C-alpha cells in the first residue's frame, strides 16, 4: 500500500466527516432555506458521473468513495427537500 493511497483515504474520510455539521444543522433546525438545493443537486449529479467513471475503469477504491459521497449527497438533498418551506407544509395540513 503506497503513501498516496493512505493519504487519499484519509482526505476522503476527513472530507465526508467535515460535512457532518451541515447534516446536523438540517436535522436540528428542520429548515433548509439557507441551503442551495440546486448546488447540492449538481454535486450529487457530478458524483454520479464520477461513480460511472470509477466503475468503467474498475477502480474499486474510487467507486467506494463515490458511493460514500453519493450517500451523503442523497441524504442532504432529501433533507433539503423535506425541510424546504415548512410554513407552506403547515398551511397544507390545516386545510
PDB file of N, CA and C in Angstrom:
ATOM      1  N   UNK A   1       0.869  -1.177   0.000  1.00  0.00           N
ATOM      2  CA  UNK A   1       0.000   0.000   0.000  1.00  0.00           C
ATOM      3  C   UNK A   1       0.913   1.237   0.000  1.00  0.00           C
ATOM      4  N   UNK A   2       0.743   2.104  -0.996  1.00  0.00           N
ATOM      5  CA  UNK A   2       1.627   3.259  -1.055  1.00  0.00           C
ATOM      6  C   UNK A   2       1.049   4.454  -0.297  1.00  0.00           C
ATOM      7  N   UNK A   3       1.859   5.448  -0.116  1.00  0.00           N
ATOM      8  CA  UNK A   3       1.510   6.598   0.717  1.00  0.00           C
ATOM      9  C   UNK A   3       0.345   7.405   0.136  1.00  0.00           C
ATOM     10  N   UNK A   4       0.286   7.540  -1.174  1.00  0.00           N
ATOM     11  CA  UNK A   4      -0.792   8.328  -1.783  1.00  0.00           C
ATOM     12  C   UNK A   4      -2.146   7.659  -1.555  1.00  0.00           C
ATOM     13  N   UNK A   5      -2.171   6.340  -1.515  1.00  0.00           N
ATOM     14  CA  UNK A   5      -3.388   5.586  -1.227  1.00  0.00           C
ATOM     15  C   UNK A   5      -3.881   5.926   0.181  1.00  0.00           C
ATOM     16  N   UNK A   6      -2.985   5.914   1.130  1.00  0.00           N
ATOM     17  CA  UNK A   6      -3.336   6.223   2.521  1.00  0.00           C
ATOM     18  C   UNK A   6      -3.785   7.674   2.654  1.00  0.00           C
ATOM     19  N   UNK A   7      -3.073   8.578   2.022  1.00  0.00           N
ATOM     20  CA  UNK A   7      -3.433   9.997   2.072  1.00  0.00           C
ATOM     21  C   UNK A   7      -4.811  10.224   1.442  1.00  0.00           C
ATOM     22  N   UNK A   8      -5.068   9.543   0.337  1.00  0.00           N
ATOM     23  CA  UNK A   8      -6.372   9.653  -0.331  1.00  0.00           C
ATOM     24  C   UNK A   8      -7.489   9.183   0.578  1.00  0.00           C
ATOM     25  N   UNK A   9      -7.310   8.043   1.222  1.00  0.00           N
ATOM     26  CA  UNK A   9      -8.329   7.535   2.140  1.00  0.00           C
ATOM     27  C   UNK A   9      -8.558   8.492   3.307  1.00  0.00           C
ATOM     28  N   UNK A  10      -7.496   9.016   3.873  1.00  0.00           N
ATOM     29  CA  UNK A  10      -7.624   9.954   4.989  1.00  0.00           C
ATOM     30  C   UNK A  10      -8.300  11.254   4.561  1.00  0.00           C
ATOM     31  N   UNK A  11      -7.916  11.775   3.403  1.00  0.00           N
ATOM     32  CA  UNK A  11      -8.509  13.020   2.915  1.00  0.00           C
ATOM     33  C   UNK A  11      -9.986  12.850   2.603  1.00  0.00           C
ATOM     34  N   UNK A  12     -10.335  11.738   1.999  1.00  0.00           N
ATOM     35  CA  UNK A  12     -11.737  11.476   1.674  1.00  0.00           C
ATOM     36  C   UNK A  12     -12.569  11.315   2.937  1.00  0.00           C
ATOM     37  N   UNK A  13     -12.070  10.563   3.878  1.00  0.00           N
ATOM     38  CA  UNK A  13     -12.777  10.373   5.145  1.00  0.00           C
ATOM     39  C   UNK A  13     -12.951  11.706   5.861  1.00  0.00           C
ATOM     40  N   UNK A  14     -11.902  12.491   5.921  1.00  0.00           N
ATOM     41  CA  UNK A  14     -11.978  13.799   6.577  1.00  0.00           C
ATOM     42  C   UNK A  14     -12.976  14.714   5.876  1.00  0.00           C
ATOM     43  N   UNK A  15     -13.024  14.654   4.568  1.00  0.00           N
ATOM     44  CA  UNK A  15     -13.957  15.493   3.811  1.00  0.00           C
ATOM     45  C   UNK A  15     -15.413  15.132   4.094  1.00  0.00           C
ATOM     46  N   UNK A  16     -15.695  13.858   4.133  1.00  0.00           N
ATOM     47  CA  UNK A  16     -17.066  13.426   4.414  1.00  0.00           C
ATOM     48  C   UNK A  16     -17.445  13.774   5.843  1.00  0.00           C
ATOM     49  N   UNK A  17     -16.540  13.548   6.781  1.00  0.00           N
ATOM     50  CA  UNK A  17     -16.797  13.900   8.183  1.00  0.00           C
ATOM     51  C   UNK A  17     -16.984  15.407   8.327  1.00  0.00           C
ATOM     52  N   UNK A  18     -16.260  16.184   7.539  1.00  0.00           N
ATOM     53  CA  UNK A  18     -16.388  17.647   7.600  1.00  0.00           C
ATOM     54  C   UNK A  18     -17.777  18.121   7.173  1.00  0.00           C
ATOM     55  N   UNK A  19     -18.484  17.301   6.420  1.00  0.00           N
ATOM     56  CA  UNK A  19     -19.844  17.640   6.005  1.00  0.00           C
ATOM     57  C   UNK A  19     -20.887  17.370   7.074  1.00  0.00           C
ATOM     58  N   UNK A  20     -20.501  16.683   8.124  1.00  0.00           N
ATOM     59  CA  UNK A  20     -21.444  16.335   9.196  1.00  0.00           C
ATOM     60  C   UNK A  20     -22.150  17.546   9.814  1.00  0.00           C
ATOM     61  N   UNK A  21     -21.476  18.683  10.009  1.00  0.00           N
ATOM     62  CA  UNK A  21     -22.193  19.841  10.567  1.00  0.00           C
ATOM     63  C   UNK A  21     -23.372  20.312   9.701  1.00  0.00           C
ATOM     64  N   UNK A  22     -23.244  20.167   8.384  1.00  0.00           N
ATOM     65  CA  UNK A  22     -24.360  20.516   7.506  1.00  0.00           C
ATOM     66  C   UNK A  22     -25.550  19.606   7.784  1.00  0.00           C
ATOM     67  N   UNK A  23     -25.271  18.333   7.892  1.00  0.00           N
ATOM     68  CA  UNK A  23     -26.304  17.347   8.180  1.00  0.00           C
ATOM     69  C   UNK A  23     -26.919  17.590   9.555  1.00  0.00           C
ATOM     70  N   UNK A  24     -26.068  17.853  10.528  1.00  0.00           N
ATOM     71  CA  UNK A  24     -26.530  18.119  11.893  1.00  0.00           C
ATOM     72  C   UNK A  24     -27.420  19.355  11.937  1.00  0.00           C
ATOM     73  N   UNK A  25     -27.029  20.396  11.213  1.00  0.00           N
ATOM     74  CA  UNK A  25     -27.812  21.627  11.204  1.00  0.00           C
ATOM     75  C   UNK A  25     -29.191  21.392  10.585  1.00  0.00           C
ATOM     76  N   UNK A  26     -29.234  20.672   9.488  1.00  0.00           N
ATOM     77  CA  UNK A  26     -30.519  20.368   8.851  1.00  0.00           C
ATOM     78  C   UNK A  26     -31.445  19.607   9.794  1.00  0.00           C
ATOM     79  N   UNK A  27     -30.913  18.610  10.445  1.00  0.00           N
ATOM     80  CA  UNK A  27     -31.726  17.787  11.337  1.00  0.00           C
ATOM     81  C   UNK A  27     -32.158  18.586  12.573  1.00  0.00           C
ATOM     82  N   UNK A  28     -31.261  19.397  13.112  1.00  0.00           N
ATOM     83  CA  UNK A  28     -31.564  20.150  14.331  1.00  0.00           C
ATOM     84  C   UNK A  28     -32.578  21.269  14.092  1.00  0.00           C
ATOM     85  N   UNK A  29     -32.403  22.007  12.994  1.00  0.00           N
ATOM     86  CA  UNK A  29     -33.268  23.167  12.754  1.00  0.00           C
ATOM     87  C   UNK A  29     -34.526  22.814  11.981  1.00  0.00           C
ATOM     88  N   UNK A  30     -34.478  21.711  11.258  1.00  0.00           N
ATOM     89  CA  UNK A  30     -35.595  21.295  10.395  1.00  0.00           C
ATOM     90  C   UNK A  30     -36.004  22.408   9.420  1.00  0.00           C
ATOM     91  N   UNK A  31     -35.001  23.164   8.991  1.00  0.00           N
ATOM     92  CA  UNK A  31     -35.188  24.230   7.993  1.00  0.00           C
ATOM     93  C   UNK A  31     -34.033  24.162   7.014  1.00  0.00           C
ATOM     94  N   UNK A  32     -34.348  24.349   5.733  1.00  0.00           N
ATOM     95  CA  UNK A  32     -33.290  24.267   4.726  1.00  0.00           C
ATOM     96  C   UNK A  32     -33.252  25.495   3.827  1.00  0.00           C
ATOM     97  N   UNK A  33     -33.862  26.578   4.281  1.00  0.00           N
ATOM     98  CA  UNK A  33     -33.931  27.780   3.446  1.00  0.00           C
ATOM     99  C   UNK A  33     -32.555  28.317   3.048  1.00  0.00           C
ATOM    100  N   UNK A  34     -31.560  28.148   3.900  1.00  0.00           N
ATOM    101  CA  UNK A  34     -30.251  28.699   3.572  1.00  0.00           C
ATOM    102  C   UNK A  34     -29.360  27.724   2.802  1.00  0.00           C
ATOM    103  N   UNK A  35     -29.870  26.569   2.484  1.00  0.00           N
ATOM    104  CA  UNK A  35     -29.135  25.598   1.682  1.00  0.00           C
ATOM    105  C   UNK A  35     -29.586  25.709   0.233  1.00  0.00           C
ATOM    106  N   UNK A  36     -28.639  25.718  -0.691  1.00  0.00           N
ATOM    107  CA  UNK A  36     -28.964  25.799  -2.111  1.00  0.00           C
ATOM    108  C   UNK A  36     -29.235  24.398  -2.657  1.00  0.00           C
ATOM    109  N   UNK A  37     -30.487  24.120  -2.929  1.00  0.00           N
ATOM    110  CA  UNK A  37     -30.857  22.818  -3.475  1.00  0.00           C
ATOM    111  C   UNK A  37     -30.175  22.584  -4.820  1.00  0.00           C
ATOM    112  N   UNK A  38     -30.137  23.602  -5.657  1.00  0.00           N
ATOM    113  CA  UNK A  38     -29.518  23.463  -6.977  1.00  0.00           C
ATOM    114  C   UNK A  38     -28.045  23.065  -6.859  1.00  0.00           C
ATOM    115  N   UNK A  39     -27.326  23.687  -5.961  1.00  0.00           N
ATOM    116  CA  UNK A  39     -25.911  23.374  -5.777  1.00  0.00           C
ATOM    117  C   UNK A  39     -25.718  21.929  -5.332  1.00  0.00           C
ATOM    118  N   UNK A  40     -26.490  21.506  -4.347  1.00  0.00           N
ATOM    119  CA  UNK A  40     -26.358  20.140  -3.844  1.00  0.00           C
ATOM    120  C   UNK A  40     -26.755  19.116  -4.906  1.00  0.00           C
ATOM    121  N   UNK A  41     -27.747  19.423  -5.722  1.00  0.00           N
ATOM    122  CA  UNK A  41     -28.146  18.501  -6.792  1.00  0.00           C
ATOM    123  C   UNK A  41     -27.041  18.402  -7.843  1.00  0.00           C
ATOM    124  N   UNK A  42     -26.423  19.519  -8.180  1.00  0.00           N
ATOM    125  CA  UNK A  42     -25.307  19.489  -9.143  1.00  0.00           C
ATOM    126  C   UNK A  42     -24.174  18.630  -8.597  1.00  0.00           C
ATOM    127  N   UNK A  43     -23.840  18.788  -7.326  1.00  0.00           N
ATOM    128  CA  UNK A  43     -22.785  17.970  -6.722  1.00  0.00           C
ATOM    129  C   UNK A  43     -23.169  16.496  -6.737  1.00  0.00           C
ATOM    130  N   UNK A  44     -24.429  16.208  -6.471  1.00  0.00           N
ATOM    131  CA  UNK A  44     -24.904  14.825  -6.499  1.00  0.00           C
ATOM    132  C   UNK A  44     -24.760  14.246  -7.904  1.00  0.00           C
ATOM    133  N   UNK A  45     -25.194  14.986  -8.908  1.00  0.00           N
ATOM    134  CA  UNK A  45     -25.103  14.515 -10.290  1.00  0.00           C
ATOM    135  C   UNK A  45     -23.650  14.349 -10.736  1.00  0.00           C
ATOM    136  N   UNK A  46     -22.789  15.261 -10.316  1.00  0.00           N
ATOM    137  CA  UNK A  46     -21.362  15.140 -10.638  1.00  0.00           C
ATOM    138  C   UNK A  46     -20.792  13.872 -10.014  1.00  0.00           C
ATOM    139  N   UNK A  47     -21.270  13.537  -8.823  1.00  0.00           N
ATOM    140  CA  UNK A  47     -20.795  12.323  -8.168  1.00  0.00           C
ATOM    141  C   UNK A  47     -21.280  11.077  -8.886  1.00  0.00           C
ATOM    142  N   UNK A  48     -22.469  11.136  -9.456  1.00  0.00           N
ATOM    143  CA  UNK A  48     -22.962  10.007 -10.262  1.00  0.00           C
ATOM    144  C   UNK A  48     -22.024   9.781 -11.444  1.00  0.00           C
ATOM    145  N   UNK A  49     -21.628  10.849 -12.102  1.00  0.00           N
ATOM    146  CA  UNK A  49     -20.706  10.743 -13.242  1.00  0.00           C
ATOM    147  C   UNK A  49     -19.371  10.159 -12.770  1.00  0.00           C
ATOM    148  N   UNK A  50     -18.896  10.600 -11.628  1.00  0.00           N
ATOM    149  CA  UNK A  50     -17.635  10.065 -11.115  1.00  0.00           C
ATOM    150  C   UNK A  50     -17.746   8.579 -10.787  1.00  0.00           C
ATOM    151  N   UNK A  51     -18.893   8.168 -10.257  1.00  0.00           N
ATOM    152  CA  UNK A  51     -19.095   6.746  -9.965  1.00  0.00           C
ATOM    153  C   UNK A  51     -19.094   5.933 -11.256  1.00  0.00           C
ATOM    154  N   UNK A  52     -19.761   6.431 -12.272  1.00  0.00           N
ATOM    155  CA  UNK A  52     -19.769   5.728 -13.562  1.00  0.00           C
ATOM    156  C   UNK A  52     -18.339   5.595 -14.087  1.00  0.00           C
ATOM    157  N   UNK A  53     -17.570   6.672 -13.948  1.00  0.00           N
ATOM    158  CA  UNK A  53     -16.167   6.617 -14.382  1.00  0.00           C
ATOM    159  C   UNK A  53     -15.388   5.583 -13.567  1.00  0.00           C
ATOM    160  N   UNK A  54     -15.542   5.617 -12.249  1.00  0.00           N
ATOM    161  CA  UNK A  54     -14.821   4.673 -11.384  1.00  0.00           C
ATOM    162  C   UNK A  54     -15.144   3.232 -11.756  1.00  0.00           C
ATOM    163  N   UNK A  55     -16.406   2.985 -12.047  1.00  0.00           N
ATOM    164  CA  UNK A  55     -16.807   1.631 -12.440  1.00  0.00           C
ATOM    165  C   UNK A  55     -16.263   1.267 -13.817  1.00  0.00           C
ATOM    166  N   UNK A  56     -16.214   2.251 -14.718  1.00  0.00           N
ATOM    167  CA  UNK A  56     -15.734   1.969 -16.078  1.00  0.00           C
ATOM    168  C   UNK A  56     -14.245   1.635 -16.119  1.00  0.00           C
ATOM    169  N   UNK A  57     -13.491   2.148 -15.158  1.00  0.00           N
ATOM    170  CA  UNK A  57     -12.053   1.853 -15.111  1.00  0.00           C
ATOM    171  C   UNK A  57     -11.727   0.790 -14.055  1.00  0.00           C
ATOM    172  N   UNK A  58     -12.784   0.198 -13.504  1.00  0.00           N
ATOM    173  CA  UNK A  58     -12.633  -0.869 -12.499  1.00  0.00           C
ATOM    174  C   UNK A  58     -11.787  -0.455 -11.297  1.00  0.00           C
ATOM    175  N   UNK A  59     -12.013   0.756 -10.823  1.00  0.00           N
ATOM    176  CA  UNK A  59     -11.295   1.246  -9.646  1.00  0.00           C
ATOM    177  C   UNK A  59     -12.211   1.112  -8.431  1.00  0.00           C
ATOM    178  N   UNK A  60     -12.024   0.039  -7.697  1.00  0.00           N
ATOM    179  CA  UNK A  60     -12.911  -0.264  -6.568  1.00  0.00           C
ATOM    180  C   UNK A  60     -12.829   0.786  -5.467  1.00  0.00           C
ATOM    181  N   UNK A  61     -11.631   1.226  -5.143  1.00  0.00           N
ATOM    182  CA  UNK A  61     -11.483   2.232  -4.092  1.00  0.00           C
ATOM    183  C   UNK A  61     -12.228   3.502  -4.462  1.00  0.00           C
ATOM    184  N   UNK A  62     -12.022   3.968  -5.677  1.00  0.00           N
ATOM    185  CA  UNK A  62     -12.690   5.188  -6.132  1.00  0.00           C
ATOM    186  C   UNK A  62     -14.205   4.989  -6.157  1.00  0.00           C
ATOM    187  N   UNK A  63     -14.659   3.816  -6.540  1.00  0.00           N
ATOM    188  CA  UNK A  63     -16.096   3.534  -6.555  1.00  0.00           C
ATOM    189  C   UNK A  63     -16.670   3.578  -5.139  1.00  0.00           C
ATOM    190  N   UNK A  64     -15.963   3.028  -4.173  1.00  0.00           N
ATOM    191  CA  UNK A  64     -16.426   3.064  -2.779  1.00  0.00           C
ATOM    192  C   UNK A  64     -16.500   4.502  -2.284  1.00  0.00           C
ATOM    193  N   UNK A  65     -15.503   5.290  -2.618  1.00  0.00           N
ATOM    194  CA  UNK A  65     -15.502   6.702  -2.223  1.00  0.00           C
ATOM    195  C   UNK A  65     -16.686   7.420  -2.873  1.00  0.00           C
ATOM    196  N   UNK A  66     -16.918   7.164  -4.146  1.00  0.00           N
ATOM    197  CA  UNK A  66     -18.043   7.788  -4.843  1.00  0.00           C
ATOM    198  C   UNK A  66     -19.376   7.391  -4.214  1.00  0.00           C
ATOM    199  N   UNK A  67     -19.516   6.139  -3.864  1.00  0.00           N
ATOM    200  CA  UNK A  67     -20.747   5.677  -3.222  1.00  0.00           C
ATOM    201  C   UNK A  67     -20.927   6.348  -1.865  1.00  0.00           C
ATOM    202  N   UNK A  68     -19.848   6.525  -1.138  1.00  0.00           N
ATOM    203  CA  UNK A  68     -19.926   7.226   0.154  1.00  0.00           C
ATOM    204  C   UNK A  68     -20.419   8.651  -0.040  1.00  0.00           C
ATOM    205  N   UNK A  69     -19.833   9.334  -1.007  1.00  0.00           N
ATOM    206  CA  UNK A  69     -20.266  10.705  -1.288  1.00  0.00           C
ATOM    207  C   UNK A  69     -21.708  10.744  -1.785  1.00  0.00           C
ATOM    208  N   UNK A  70     -22.070   9.817  -2.660  1.00  0.00           N
ATOM    209  CA  UNK A  70     -23.444   9.766  -3.162  1.00  0.00           C
ATOM    210  C   UNK A  70     -24.440   9.598  -2.015  1.00  0.00           C
ATOM    211  N   UNK A  71     -24.120   8.747  -1.086  1.00  0.00           N
ATOM    212  CA  UNK A  71     -24.987   8.544   0.071  1.00  0.00           C
ATOM    213  C   UNK A  71     -25.153   9.846   0.838  1.00  0.00           C
ATOM    214  N   UNK A  72     -24.051  10.520   1.082  1.00  0.00           N
ATOM    215  CA  UNK A  72     -24.090  11.800   1.795  1.00  0.00           C
ATOM    216  C   UNK A  72     -24.940  12.813   1.030  1.00  0.00           C
ATOM    217  N   UNK A  73     -24.701  12.936  -0.273  1.00  0.00           N
ATOM    218  CA  UNK A  73     -25.450  13.910  -1.070  1.00  0.00           C
ATOM    219  C   UNK A  73     -26.939  13.578  -1.127  1.00  0.00           C
ATOM    220  N   UNK A  74     -27.285  12.306  -1.264  1.00  0.00           N
ATOM    221  CA  UNK A  74     -28.702  11.922  -1.272  1.00  0.00           C
ATOM    222  C   UNK A  74     -29.377  12.288   0.047  1.00  0.00           C
ATOM    223  N   UNK A  75     -28.699  12.055   1.149  1.00  0.00           N
ATOM    224  CA  UNK A  75     -29.273  12.400   2.453  1.00  0.00           C
ATOM    225  C   UNK A  75     -29.472  13.909   2.561  1.00  0.00           C
ATOM    226  N   UNK A  76     -28.460  14.672   2.194  1.00  0.00           N
ATOM    227  CA  UNK A  76     -28.565  16.133   2.281  1.00  0.00           C
ATOM    228  C   UNK A  76     -29.679  16.648   1.370  1.00  0.00           C
ATOM    229  N   UNK A  77     -29.703  16.205   0.116  1.00  0.00           N
ATOM    230  CA  UNK A  77     -30.733  16.665  -0.820  1.00  0.00           C
ATOM    231  C   UNK A  77     -32.123  16.270  -0.312  1.00  0.00           C
ATOM    232  N   UNK A  78     -32.246  15.058   0.185  1.00  0.00           N
ATOM    233  CA  UNK A  78     -33.533  14.621   0.726  1.00  0.00           C
ATOM    234  C   UNK A  78     -33.997  15.487   1.890  1.00  0.00           C
ATOM    235  N   UNK A  79     -33.077  15.820   2.782  1.00  0.00           N
ATOM    236  CA  UNK A  79     -33.437  16.673   3.917  1.00  0.00           C
ATOM    237  C   UNK A  79     -33.733  18.105   3.486  1.00  0.00           C
ATOM    238  N   UNK A  80     -32.998  18.602   2.504  1.00  0.00           N
ATOM    239  CA  UNK A  80     -33.285  19.949   1.996  1.00  0.00           C
ATOM    240  C   UNK A  80     -34.703  20.000   1.450  1.00  0.00           C
ATOM    241  N   UNK A  81     -35.073  18.995   0.676  1.00  0.00           N
ATOM    242  CA  UNK A  81     -36.427  18.948   0.109  1.00  0.00           C
ATOM    243  C   UNK A  81     -37.459  18.789   1.225  1.00  0.00           C
ATOM    244  N   UNK A  82     -37.186  17.896   2.154  1.00  0.00           N
ATOM    245  CA  UNK A  82     -38.129  17.647   3.241  1.00  0.00           C
ATOM    246  C   UNK A  82     -38.382  18.891   4.083  1.00  0.00           C
ATOM    247  N   UNK A  83     -37.331  19.639   4.379  1.00  0.00           N
ATOM    248  CA  UNK A  83     -37.461  20.787   5.274  1.00  0.00           C
ATOM    249  C   UNK A  83     -37.612  22.126   4.547  1.00  0.00           C
ATOM    250  N   UNK A  84     -37.758  22.100   3.231  1.00  0.00           N
ATOM    251  CA  UNK A  84     -37.934  23.340   2.486  1.00  0.00           C
ATOM    252  C   UNK A  84     -39.332  23.883   2.731  1.00  0.00           C
ATOM    253  N   UNK A  85     -39.452  25.131   3.048  1.00  0.00           N
ATOM    254  CA  UNK A  85     -40.722  25.841   3.244  1.00  0.00           C
ATOM    255  C   UNK A  85     -41.651  25.135   4.236  1.00  0.00           C
ATOM    256  N   UNK A  86     -41.216  24.977   5.492  1.00  0.00           N
ATOM    257  CA  UNK A  86     -42.077  24.298   6.465  1.00  0.00           C
ATOM    258  C   UNK A  86     -43.386  25.038   6.734  1.00  0.00           C
ATOM    259  N   UNK A  87     -43.415  26.350   6.511  1.00  0.00           N
ATOM    260  CA  UNK A  87     -44.647  27.113   6.724  1.00  0.00           C
ATOM    261  C   UNK A  87     -45.702  26.675   5.713  1.00  0.00           C
ATOM    262  N   UNK A  88     -45.304  26.460   4.476  1.00  0.00           N
ATOM    263  CA  UNK A  88     -46.248  26.008   3.458  1.00  0.00           C
ATOM    264  C   UNK A  88     -46.783  24.617   3.789  1.00  0.00           C
ATOM    265  N   UNK A  89     -45.939  23.764   4.316  1.00  0.00           N
ATOM    266  CA  UNK A  89     -46.374  22.419   4.690  1.00  0.00           C
ATOM    267  C   UNK A  89     -47.399  22.494   5.824  1.00  0.00           C
ATOM    268  N   UNK A  90     -47.172  23.392   6.770  1.00  0.00           N
ATOM    269  CA  UNK A  90     -48.107  23.551   7.889  1.00  0.00           C
ATOM    270  C   UNK A  90     -49.466  24.078   7.394  1.00  0.00           C
ATOM    271  N   UNK A  91     -49.446  24.975   6.427  1.00  0.00           N
ATOM    272  CA  UNK A  91     -50.686  25.518   5.877  1.00  0.00           C
ATOM    273  C   UNK A  91     -51.474  24.404   5.188  1.00  0.00           C
ATOM    274  N   UNK A  92     -50.776  23.531   4.452  1.00  0.00           N
ATOM    275  CA  UNK A  92     -51.445  22.437   3.762  1.00  0.00           C
ATOM    276  C   UNK A  92     -52.096  21.478   4.761  1.00  0.00           C
ATOM    277  N   UNK A  93     -51.468  21.270   5.912  1.00  0.00           N
ATOM    278  CA  UNK A  93     -52.008  20.365   6.914  1.00  0.00           C
ATOM    279  C   UNK A  93     -53.271  20.905   7.562  1.00  0.00           C
ATOM    280  N   UNK A  94     -53.390  22.235   7.653  1.00  0.00           N
ATOM    281  CA  UNK A  94     -54.533  22.856   8.317  1.00  0.00           C
ATOM    282  C   UNK A  94     -55.796  22.726   7.480  1.00  0.00           C
ATOM    283  N   UNK A  95     -55.689  22.798   6.164  1.00  0.00           N
ATOM    284  CA  UNK A  95     -56.885  22.775   5.316  1.00  0.00           C
ATOM    285  C   UNK A  95     -57.419  21.440   5.046  1.00  0.00           C
TER     286      UNK A  95
END
